[in-house]
Amino acid sequence: MITLTIDGKQISVPEGTTLMEAAKQLHVRIPHLCYLEGLKADASCGLCVVEVEGERNMTRSCARLASEGMKIKTSTPEIRKYRRMLVELLLANHPMGCFTCERNQICELLKLSYETGVTNLTIDRAPARNDIDDSSVSIVRDSSKCILCGRCIQICEDVQSVNAIDYINRGERLKVAPAGGLPLGSTQCVNCGQCIHVCPVGAIREQTCVDDVWKAIADPTRHVVVQEAPAVRVALGEDLGLPVGTLVTGKMHAALKKL
């Protein structure tokens, strides 16, 4: 076991534990965007920086392993100022259509702006752009909202093993897209939707058929039949706050009948 101190509290953790994981055990939340629990840290967003006593530079806690005797500070004035700057940069390059965004009220970037105290931008906003790829039958990508956190790439490559998207180009032209900048609908994407689930903002969303469904339900000449995917009977329960693994088949059928 390794013993270290985080914000004045001592803790012992197994070798190979990251600073972020150690802090979590002390109920110390370190802000982050790119980090996904269970996957290799990408360390791209830089929001999870902490200070290590005796070191000049801040270090990214999602990727830095704990070592014996470390003394860590997670929220000094310098750290808070640095995080605010990073959030401002992200917001300056992000569309501000929050009221109509699919991630409204669950946007992680918006939560971070509140947490870090960003109440106004001191950086000039980038010109608005329209960069939507709706070539897929199931998924819509809006690159103008992408914050380059890399979560969708990780889940597609390391978990689903599909490798449909990756970083392309360099510098200011860096973006997340299929190889060669092809539309998603012409790739090997299997439309699993895991990229939608892990996106912290509204850069990836589902194609919607809600209006078509309402139209069909309202048509007296049609008898509407529902065919649900097997996983939905569990996923719906989790999304509504029920314990993981809870089956809601009966509740789902009752709700569908009410529609």
Protein backbone atom coordinates (compact mmCIF):
# COMPACT_ATOMS: atom_id res chain seq x y z
CA MET A 1 0.00 0.00 0.00
CA ILE A 2 1.04 3.61 -0.68
CA THR A 3 0.38 6.37 1.84
CA LEU A 4 -0.09 9.97 0.66
CA THR A 5 -1.79 13.15 1.81
CA ILE A 6 -4.54 14.92 -0.16
CA ASP A 7 -5.73 18.33 1.05
CA GLY A 8 -4.36 17.58 4.52
CA LYS A 9 -5.99 14.16 4.80
CA GLN A 10 -3.89 11.00 4.82
CA ILE A 11 -4.93 7.95 2.84
CA SER A 12 -3.43 4.57 1.91
CA VAL A 13 -4.14 3.17 -1.56
CA PRO A 14 -2.92 0.17 -3.60
CA GLU A 15 0.06 0.65 -5.89
CA GLY A 16 -1.07 1.76 -9.36
CA THR A 17 -3.85 4.04 -8.03
CA THR A 18 -4.09 7.42 -9.73
CA LEU A 19 -4.31 10.65 -7.79
CA MET A 20 -7.88 11.16 -9.00
CA GLU A 21 -8.91 7.72 -7.78
CA ALA A 22 -7.24 8.34 -4.42
CA ALA A 23 -9.01 11.67 -4.05
CA LYS A 24 -12.34 10.05 -4.86
CA GLN A 25 -11.88 7.67 -1.93
CA LEU A 26 -11.65 10.73 0.32
CA HIS A 27 -14.82 12.15 -1.33
CA VAL A 28 -12.73 14.90 -2.92
CA ARG A 29 -14.14 15.59 -6.38
CA ILE A 30 -11.58 16.76 -8.93
CA PRO A 31 -13.24 18.41 -11.98
CA HIS A 32 -12.68 16.63 -15.30
CA LEU A 33 -14.17 16.17 -18.77
CA CYS A 34 -12.12 13.66 -20.75
CA TYR A 35 -11.73 11.02 -18.02
CA LEU A 36 -13.87 7.86 -18.22
CA GLU A 37 -13.75 5.49 -15.29
CA GLY A 38 -12.44 2.06 -16.27
CA LEU A 39 -10.60 3.26 -19.38
CA LYS A 40 -7.03 4.42 -19.89
CA ALA A 41 -6.71 8.12 -19.07
CA ASP A 42 -6.47 10.33 -22.15
CA ALA A 43 -5.45 13.39 -20.09
CA SER A 44 -6.51 15.74 -22.87
CA CYS A 45 -8.74 18.29 -21.12
CA GLY A 46 -6.30 19.33 -18.37
CA LEU A 47 -9.08 20.26 -15.92
CA CYS A 48 -8.06 17.63 -13.36
CA VAL A 49 -4.72 19.27 -12.51
CA VAL A 50 -3.44 19.20 -8.93
CA GLU A 51 -0.31 20.47 -7.18
CA VAL A 52 2.32 18.08 -5.83
CA GLU A 53 4.47 19.49 -3.05
CA GLY A 54 8.05 19.97 -4.28
CA GLU A 55 7.14 20.07 -7.99
CA ARG A 56 7.06 23.26 -10.06
CA ASN A 57 4.30 22.32 -12.46
CA MET A 58 0.76 21.12 -11.93
CA THR A 59 0.08 17.49 -12.84
CA ARG A 60 -2.97 15.80 -14.35
CA SER A 61 -4.48 13.65 -11.64
CA CYS A 62 -6.30 11.26 -13.98
CA ALA A 63 -3.00 9.93 -15.34
CA ARG A 64 -0.51 10.54 -12.48
CA LEU A 65 0.05 7.54 -10.23
CA ALA A 66 0.24 7.98 -6.49
CA SER A 67 3.63 7.47 -4.85
CA GLU A 68 4.74 7.11 -1.24
CA GLY A 69 4.74 10.31 0.79
CA MET A 70 3.12 12.54 -1.83
CA LYS A 71 1.41 15.68 -0.58
CA ILE A 72 -1.33 16.85 -2.91
CA LYS A 73 -3.42 20.00 -3.09
CA THR A 74 -6.49 19.91 -5.32
CA SER A 75 -7.96 23.42 -5.10
CA THR A 76 -5.40 26.17 -4.55
CA PRO A 77 -6.06 29.69 -5.96
CA GLU A 78 -3.63 28.94 -8.81
CA ILE A 79 -5.44 25.71 -9.69
CA ARG A 80 -8.86 27.38 -9.65
CA LYS A 81 -7.60 30.21 -11.85
CA TYR A 82 -6.12 27.71 -14.32
CA ARG A 83 -9.33 25.69 -14.48
CA ARG A 84 -11.41 28.81 -15.08
CA MET A 85 -9.14 29.74 -17.98
CA LEU A 86 -9.56 26.28 -19.55
CA VAL A 87 -13.34 26.39 -19.18
CA GLU A 88 -13.44 29.88 -20.70
CA LEU A 89 -11.44 28.65 -23.70
CA LEU A 90 -13.88 25.78 -24.19
CA LEU A 91 -16.90 28.07 -23.92
CA ALA A 92 -15.38 30.62 -26.31
CA ASN A 93 -15.26 27.91 -28.99
CA HIS A 94 -18.65 26.41 -28.16
CA PRO A 95 -22.11 27.36 -29.54
CA MET A 96 -24.28 29.00 -26.89
CA GLY A 97 -27.60 27.45 -27.90
CA CYS A 98 -28.06 25.88 -24.47
CA PHE A 99 -31.85 26.32 -24.35
CA THR A 100 -32.40 24.14 -27.42
CA CYS A 101 -29.49 21.73 -26.92
CA GLU A 102 -30.22 18.03 -26.30
CA ARG A 103 -27.90 18.18 -23.28
CA ASN A 104 -29.78 21.02 -21.65
CA GLN A 105 -29.69 20.55 -17.82
CA ILE A 106 -27.31 17.57 -18.06
CA CYS A 107 -24.41 19.25 -19.89
CA GLU A 108 -21.13 18.57 -18.11
CA LEU A 109 -19.47 21.65 -19.61
CA LEU A 110 -22.24 23.87 -18.26
CA LYS A 111 -21.90 22.27 -14.80
CA LEU A 112 -18.15 22.86 -14.88
CA SER A 113 -18.58 26.51 -15.81
CA TYR A 114 -20.74 26.89 -12.71
CA GLU A 115 -18.31 24.94 -10.51
CA THR A 116 -15.29 26.93 -11.67
CA GLY A 117 -17.04 30.28 -11.29
CA VAL A 118 -17.13 31.32 -14.95
CA THR A 119 -19.88 33.93 -15.05
CA ASN A 120 -18.71 35.86 -18.11
CA LEU A 121 -16.17 35.37 -20.90
CA THR A 122 -13.03 37.46 -21.00
CA ILE A 123 -11.99 35.77 -24.27
CA ASP A 124 -13.36 36.69 -27.69
CA ARG A 125 -15.78 34.08 -28.99
CA ALA A 126 -14.92 32.12 -32.13
CA PRO A 127 -17.13 32.66 -35.22
CA ALA A 128 -20.23 30.48 -35.34
CA ARG A 129 -20.05 27.51 -37.69
CA ASN A 130 -22.39 24.82 -38.93
CA ASP A 131 -20.76 21.39 -39.11
CA ILE A 132 -23.47 18.73 -38.87
CA ASP A 133 -23.13 15.15 -40.17
CA ASP A 134 -26.56 13.48 -40.33
CA SER A 135 -25.59 10.78 -42.84
CA SER A 136 -26.12 7.97 -40.30
CA VAL A 137 -29.53 6.37 -39.85
CA SER A 138 -29.21 6.63 -36.06
CA ILE A 139 -26.60 9.21 -35.07
CA VAL A 140 -26.13 12.94 -35.72
CA ARG A 141 -22.71 14.52 -35.17
CA ASP A 142 -22.40 18.27 -34.58
CA SER A 143 -18.69 19.07 -34.68
CA SER A 144 -19.31 22.72 -33.77
CA LYS A 145 -20.17 21.52 -30.24
CA CYS A 146 -17.26 19.06 -29.94
CA ILE A 147 -14.77 19.92 -27.16
CA LEU A 148 -12.19 17.31 -28.30
CA CYS A 149 -12.33 15.37 -25.03
CA GLY A 150 -11.87 12.07 -26.89
CA ARG A 151 -14.46 10.10 -24.91
CA CYS A 152 -16.31 8.94 -28.04
CA ILE A 153 -13.03 7.76 -29.58
CA GLN A 154 -12.14 5.78 -26.46
CA ILE A 155 -15.52 4.06 -26.16
CA CYS A 156 -15.60 3.25 -29.89
CA GLU A 157 -12.07 1.86 -29.94
CA ASP A 158 -11.42 0.36 -26.50
CA VAL A 159 -14.88 -0.89 -25.54
CA GLN A 160 -16.84 -1.48 -28.75
CA SER A 161 -13.74 -2.32 -30.89
CA VAL A 162 -15.31 -0.66 -33.94
CA ASN A 163 -12.80 2.20 -34.56
CA ALA A 164 -15.25 4.25 -36.60
CA ILE A 165 -13.90 7.64 -35.46
CA ASP A 166 -10.62 9.20 -34.38
CA TYR A 167 -8.77 12.51 -34.26
CA ILE A 168 -7.98 13.85 -37.72
CA ASN A 169 -5.93 16.86 -38.89
CA ARG A 170 -3.66 18.94 -36.63
CA GLY A 171 -3.50 22.29 -34.88
CA GLU A 172 -6.55 24.51 -35.37
CA ARG A 173 -8.03 21.97 -37.81
CA LEU A 174 -7.99 19.13 -35.26
CA LYS A 175 -11.38 17.43 -35.02
CA VAL A 176 -13.07 14.12 -34.24
CA ALA A 177 -14.32 12.38 -37.37
CA PRO A 178 -14.13 9.15 -39.37
CA ALA A 179 -10.86 8.56 -41.23
CA GLY A 180 -10.43 10.91 -44.16
CA GLY A 181 -13.25 13.10 -42.91
CA LEU A 182 -15.85 10.74 -44.40
CA PRO A 183 -19.49 11.02 -43.31
CA LEU A 184 -20.34 8.64 -40.46
CA GLY A 185 -22.99 6.88 -42.55
CA SER A 186 -20.35 5.55 -44.94
CA THR A 187 -18.15 3.99 -42.25
CA GLN A 188 -18.15 0.73 -40.28
CA CYS A 189 -20.17 2.40 -37.48
CA VAL A 190 -22.63 -0.15 -36.03
CA ASN A 191 -24.97 2.51 -34.59
CA CYS A 192 -24.58 1.21 -31.03
CA GLY A 193 -24.95 4.72 -29.62
CA GLN A 194 -22.28 4.37 -26.94
CA CYS A 195 -20.59 7.54 -28.21
CA ILE A 196 -23.81 9.45 -27.52
CA HIS A 197 -23.93 8.10 -23.98
CA VAL A 198 -20.40 9.26 -23.06
CA CYS A 199 -20.38 12.64 -24.83
CA PRO A 200 -20.32 15.33 -22.09
CA VAL A 201 -21.92 17.94 -24.36
CA GLY A 202 -24.35 17.79 -27.30
CA ALA A 203 -21.83 17.00 -30.03
CA ILE A 204 -23.37 13.58 -30.71
CA ARG A 205 -27.08 12.88 -30.53
CA GLU A 206 -29.68 10.39 -31.71
CA GLN A 207 -31.65 10.83 -34.90
CA THR A 208 -35.16 11.58 -33.70
CA CYS A 209 -38.39 10.06 -34.99
CA VAL A 210 -40.59 11.57 -32.26
CA ASP A 211 -42.71 13.62 -34.66
CA ASP A 212 -43.26 10.58 -36.89
CA VAL A 213 -44.37 8.53 -33.88
CA TRP A 214 -46.86 11.16 -32.71
CA LYS A 215 -48.22 11.43 -36.25
CA ALA A 216 -48.71 7.65 -36.42
CA ILE A 217 -50.41 7.54 -33.01
CA ALA A 218 -52.79 10.33 -34.03
CA ASP A 219 -53.73 8.58 -37.32
CA PRO A 220 -57.06 6.72 -36.76
CA THR A 221 -56.37 4.50 -39.77
CA ARG A 222 -53.24 3.02 -38.19
CA HIS A 223 -52.71 0.42 -35.48
CA VAL A 224 -49.37 1.32 -33.89
CA VAL A 225 -47.10 -1.55 -32.77
CA VAL A 226 -43.95 -1.10 -30.66
CA GLN A 227 -40.86 -3.29 -30.89
CA GLU A 228 -38.34 -2.45 -28.17
CA ALA A 229 -34.67 -3.38 -28.00
CA PRO A 230 -33.96 -5.89 -25.18
CA ALA A 231 -31.54 -3.60 -23.33
CA VAL A 232 -34.12 -0.81 -23.01
CA ARG A 233 -35.99 -2.61 -20.22
CA VAL A 234 -32.87 -2.14 -18.04
CA ALA A 235 -31.49 1.14 -19.39
CA LEU A 236 -34.76 3.00 -18.79
CA GLY A 237 -34.78 2.04 -15.12
CA GLU A 238 -31.22 3.22 -14.60
CA ASP A 239 -31.95 6.52 -16.33
CA LEU A 240 -34.89 7.08 -13.97
CA GLY A 241 -32.80 6.44 -10.86
CA LEU A 242 -33.65 2.80 -10.15
CA PRO A 243 -30.90 0.40 -8.99
CA VAL A 244 -28.61 -0.89 -11.75
CA GLY A 245 -30.08 -4.00 -13.37
CA THR A 246 -33.69 -3.30 -12.44
CA LEU A 247 -36.14 -4.61 -15.06
CA VAL A 248 -38.95 -2.18 -15.91
CA THR A 249 -40.69 -4.21 -18.62
CA GLY A 250 -44.14 -3.88 -17.07
CA LYS A 251 -43.75 -0.16 -16.35
CA MET A 252 -42.51 0.41 -19.90
CA HIS A 253 -45.47 -1.40 -21.47
CA ALA A 254 -47.91 0.51 -19.26
CA ALA A 255 -46.33 3.83 -20.32
CA LEU A 256 -46.47 2.86 -23.99
CA LYS A 257 -50.14 1.97 -23.72
CA LYS A 258 -50.84 5.36 -22.15
CA LEU A 259 -49.19 7.04 -25.11
